[in-house]
Amino acid sequence: MEKDCFKVDPSAYRYARHKSRQLAGKYGFLHADAVDIEHELLLDCLNRSRAHDGTRCSPHTFFRLVIDHRISTLIESQKAACRDYRLSVSLDAPLSAGGGPPFVRSDVNKGDYHSGARSASSSSPETSWQLRADLERLLAQMPVELSRICRLILNDIGTADIVARTGSSRATLYRRLGQIRSLFERAGLRRYLS
């Protein structure tokens, strides 16, 4: 009957609070995230409390292991993110994209790029903003003709229309697309290519 009851050892609350305060401000977590991290740790304890076997270890040990494993998973997911967590900036900080007009993260969903650009990224606003910033930076560094082709592609313009708008042949367009692809790969943006 006790197995059906979700119980978390009281020491787990203290340990989760202690560890969340230690983790806050590191690995890309903000100090304001401490309470959220603590709740995440306690929720994991609650979800795994049924798995506790009193013959193998004490509740104190079990919940410490659960919390430690969850912390390592949180850190691993922060480190595995596409971008370096140490490069975080304020949501309201104006950003310039290599000589282009400055924009803020809230402008991402109001951007010129249609579903073609956003489908390459995940649905999170952070990833969408990073895609936009990376694209703007790369477009500013590209030769004008390659930048123009890339912008047409981002706006879901088809191959025939791009050929007509640029006045080049299909062979030239495909050669330039190869150049664009290599520029993306050199810039470390291969994941945005489809």
Protein backbone atom coordinates (compact mmCIF):
# COMPACT_ATOMS: atom_id res chain seq x y z
CA MET A 1 0.00 0.00 0.00
CA GLU A 2 2.90 2.34 0.70
CA LYS A 3 4.15 1.83 -2.86
CA ASP A 4 1.01 3.58 -4.17
CA CYS A 5 1.69 6.59 -1.98
CA PHE A 6 4.05 9.16 -3.45
CA LYS A 7 6.43 10.23 -0.72
CA VAL A 8 9.56 12.26 -0.93
CA ASP A 9 12.00 12.14 1.93
CA PRO A 10 12.15 15.52 3.75
CA SER A 11 15.92 15.61 3.31
CA ALA A 12 15.33 15.53 -0.46
CA TYR A 13 13.66 18.95 -0.24
CA ARG A 14 16.71 20.43 1.49
CA TYR A 15 19.11 18.71 -0.90
CA ALA A 16 17.15 19.82 -3.98
CA ARG A 17 17.11 23.41 -2.73
CA HIS A 18 20.84 23.28 -1.98
CA LYS A 19 21.73 21.78 -5.36
CA SER A 20 19.44 24.13 -7.32
CA ARG A 21 21.11 27.12 -5.64
CA GLN A 22 24.52 25.69 -6.57
CA LEU A 23 23.46 25.14 -10.18
CA ALA A 24 21.87 28.58 -10.61
CA GLY A 25 24.22 30.93 -12.42
CA LYS A 26 26.23 28.09 -13.97
CA TYR A 27 25.97 26.14 -17.23
CA GLY A 28 23.70 28.77 -18.73
CA PHE A 29 21.13 28.68 -15.95
CA LEU A 30 20.20 32.06 -14.54
CA HIS A 31 20.05 32.82 -10.82
CA ALA A 32 16.33 33.36 -11.32
CA ASP A 33 16.08 29.71 -12.45
CA ALA A 34 16.94 28.34 -9.00
CA VAL A 35 13.32 27.81 -7.97
CA ASP A 36 12.47 26.23 -11.33
CA ILE A 37 15.45 23.90 -11.06
CA GLU A 38 14.42 22.96 -7.53
CA HIS A 39 10.90 22.14 -8.74
CA GLU A 40 12.30 20.14 -11.62
CA LEU A 41 14.43 18.10 -9.20
CA LEU A 42 11.54 17.52 -6.79
CA LEU A 43 9.20 16.57 -9.61
CA ASP A 44 11.69 13.96 -10.75
CA CYS A 45 11.89 12.67 -7.17
CA LEU A 46 8.12 12.47 -7.03
CA ASN A 47 7.91 10.66 -10.36
CA ARG A 48 10.56 8.14 -9.35
CA SER A 49 9.40 7.60 -5.77
CA ARG A 50 7.52 4.45 -6.80
CA ALA A 51 10.78 2.90 -7.94
CA HIS A 52 12.33 3.13 -4.48
CA ASP A 53 13.14 -0.27 -3.03
CA GLY A 54 13.70 -0.02 0.72
CA THR A 55 15.78 -3.21 0.72
CA ARG A 56 18.40 -1.72 -1.60
CA CYS A 57 18.94 1.73 -0.06
CA SER A 58 17.48 4.28 2.29
CA PRO A 59 15.09 6.94 1.01
CA HIS A 60 17.74 9.55 1.75
CA THR A 61 20.26 7.82 -0.53
CA PHE A 62 17.69 7.08 -3.22
CA PHE A 63 16.52 10.68 -3.54
CA ARG A 64 20.06 12.00 -3.50
CA LEU A 65 20.89 9.70 -6.40
CA VAL A 66 17.74 10.76 -8.27
CA ILE A 67 18.58 14.45 -7.75
CA ASP A 68 22.22 13.98 -8.75
CA HIS A 69 21.24 12.10 -11.92
CA ARG A 70 18.66 14.74 -12.83
CA ILE A 71 21.24 17.49 -12.33
CA SER A 72 23.70 15.71 -14.61
CA THR A 73 20.93 15.36 -17.21
CA LEU A 74 20.09 19.07 -16.97
CA ILE A 75 23.75 20.03 -17.36
CA GLU A 76 24.20 17.60 -20.24
CA SER A 77 21.21 19.04 -22.07
CA GLN A 78 22.52 22.59 -21.55
CA LYS A 79 25.91 21.61 -22.94
CA ALA A 80 24.38 19.68 -25.83
CA ALA A 81 22.35 22.66 -27.00
CA CYS A 82 23.21 24.04 -30.42
CA ARG A 83 24.64 27.25 -29.01
CA ASP A 84 27.21 27.90 -26.34
CA TYR A 85 25.33 28.62 -23.11
CA ARG A 86 28.03 31.10 -22.11
CA LEU A 87 27.04 33.42 -24.97
CA SER A 88 23.61 34.20 -23.50
CA VAL A 89 22.48 37.78 -23.83
CA SER A 90 19.55 39.75 -22.53
CA LEU A 91 16.25 39.33 -24.31
CA ASP A 92 16.00 43.11 -24.69
CA ALA A 93 19.55 43.74 -25.87
CA PRO A 94 19.58 45.21 -29.37
CA LEU A 95 21.60 43.10 -31.74
CA SER A 96 23.16 44.00 -35.03
CA ALA A 97 23.55 41.41 -37.71
CA GLY A 98 26.82 42.27 -39.39
CA GLY A 99 25.98 45.75 -40.62
CA GLY A 100 22.26 45.12 -41.01
CA PRO A 101 19.60 46.93 -39.04
CA PRO A 102 19.58 46.15 -35.33
CA PHE A 103 16.86 43.87 -34.04
CA VAL A 104 15.80 42.31 -30.75
CA ARG A 105 14.74 38.76 -30.06
CA SER A 106 11.07 39.73 -30.02
CA ASP A 107 11.41 40.70 -33.71
CA VAL A 108 12.12 37.11 -34.75
CA ASN A 109 8.51 36.06 -35.24
CA LYS A 110 7.79 39.30 -37.11
CA GLY A 111 10.67 38.70 -39.53
CA ASP A 112 10.71 38.53 -43.29
CA TYR A 113 11.51 34.84 -43.33
CA HIS A 114 8.65 32.50 -43.93
CA SER A 115 8.18 28.87 -42.97
CA GLY A 116 11.16 27.70 -45.02
CA ALA A 117 13.67 29.25 -42.64
CA ARG A 118 11.81 28.44 -39.48
CA SER A 119 11.15 24.82 -40.37
CA ALA A 120 14.89 24.20 -40.32
CA SER A 121 14.99 25.12 -36.67
CA SER A 122 13.11 23.79 -33.73
CA SER A 123 10.03 25.59 -32.48
CA SER A 124 11.71 27.30 -29.53
CA PRO A 125 12.03 31.09 -29.70
CA GLU A 126 15.68 30.83 -28.62
CA THR A 127 16.56 28.60 -31.55
CA SER A 128 14.53 30.74 -33.92
CA TRP A 129 16.38 33.86 -32.74
CA GLN A 130 19.73 32.11 -33.08
CA LEU A 131 18.85 31.00 -36.60
CA ARG A 132 17.92 34.56 -37.55
CA ALA A 133 21.10 36.01 -36.00
CA ASP A 134 23.30 33.36 -37.65
CA LEU A 135 21.61 33.88 -41.01
CA GLU A 136 21.86 37.67 -40.86
CA ARG A 137 25.54 37.47 -39.89
CA LEU A 138 26.30 35.05 -42.72
CA LEU A 139 24.23 36.98 -45.28
CA ALA A 140 26.12 40.17 -44.43
CA GLN A 141 29.43 38.39 -45.13
CA MET A 142 28.32 36.80 -48.42
CA PRO A 143 28.88 38.34 -51.83
CA VAL A 144 25.83 40.35 -52.91
CA GLU A 145 24.63 37.87 -55.53
CA LEU A 146 24.85 34.87 -53.17
CA SER A 147 23.11 36.87 -50.44
CA ARG A 148 20.30 37.77 -52.85
CA ILE A 149 19.82 34.13 -53.86
CA CYS A 150 19.84 33.03 -50.24
CA ARG A 151 17.19 35.63 -49.31
CA LEU A 152 14.99 34.46 -52.20
CA ILE A 153 15.30 30.86 -51.01
CA LEU A 154 14.43 31.90 -47.45
CA ASN A 155 11.28 33.54 -48.78
CA ASP A 156 10.21 30.24 -50.43
CA ILE A 157 10.88 31.38 -53.98
CA GLY A 158 11.23 28.41 -56.34
CA THR A 159 14.19 27.62 -58.58
CA ALA A 160 12.51 28.81 -61.80
CA ASP A 161 11.55 32.14 -60.20
CA ILE A 162 15.06 32.63 -58.80
CA VAL A 163 16.53 32.01 -62.27
CA ALA A 164 14.10 34.55 -63.74
CA ARG A 165 14.75 37.17 -61.05
CA THR A 166 18.53 36.87 -61.13
CA GLY A 167 18.81 36.51 -64.91
CA SER A 168 21.19 33.56 -64.59
CA SER A 169 21.00 30.04 -65.94
CA ARG A 170 20.01 27.01 -63.86
CA ALA A 171 23.59 25.75 -64.02
CA THR A 172 24.85 29.04 -62.60
CA LEU A 173 22.17 28.96 -59.90
CA TYR A 174 23.14 25.42 -58.89
CA ARG A 175 26.83 26.38 -58.81
CA ARG A 176 25.97 29.34 -56.57
CA LEU A 177 23.83 27.11 -54.35
CA GLY A 178 26.90 24.91 -53.90
CA GLN A 179 28.87 28.00 -52.89
CA ILE A 180 26.13 28.98 -50.42
CA ARG A 181 26.12 25.47 -48.98
CA SER A 182 29.90 25.55 -48.46
CA LEU A 183 29.63 28.99 -46.80
CA PHE A 184 27.00 27.59 -44.42
CA GLU A 185 29.20 24.59 -43.63
CA ARG A 186 32.28 26.75 -43.03
CA ALA A 187 30.24 28.98 -40.72
CA GLY A 188 29.16 25.92 -38.72
CA LEU A 189 25.52 26.19 -39.84
CA ARG A 190 25.22 22.84 -41.56
CA ARG A 191 22.24 21.90 -39.37
CA TYR A 192 20.18 24.64 -41.07
CA LEU A 193 20.63 23.11 -44.50
CA SER A 194 17.88 20.83 -45.73
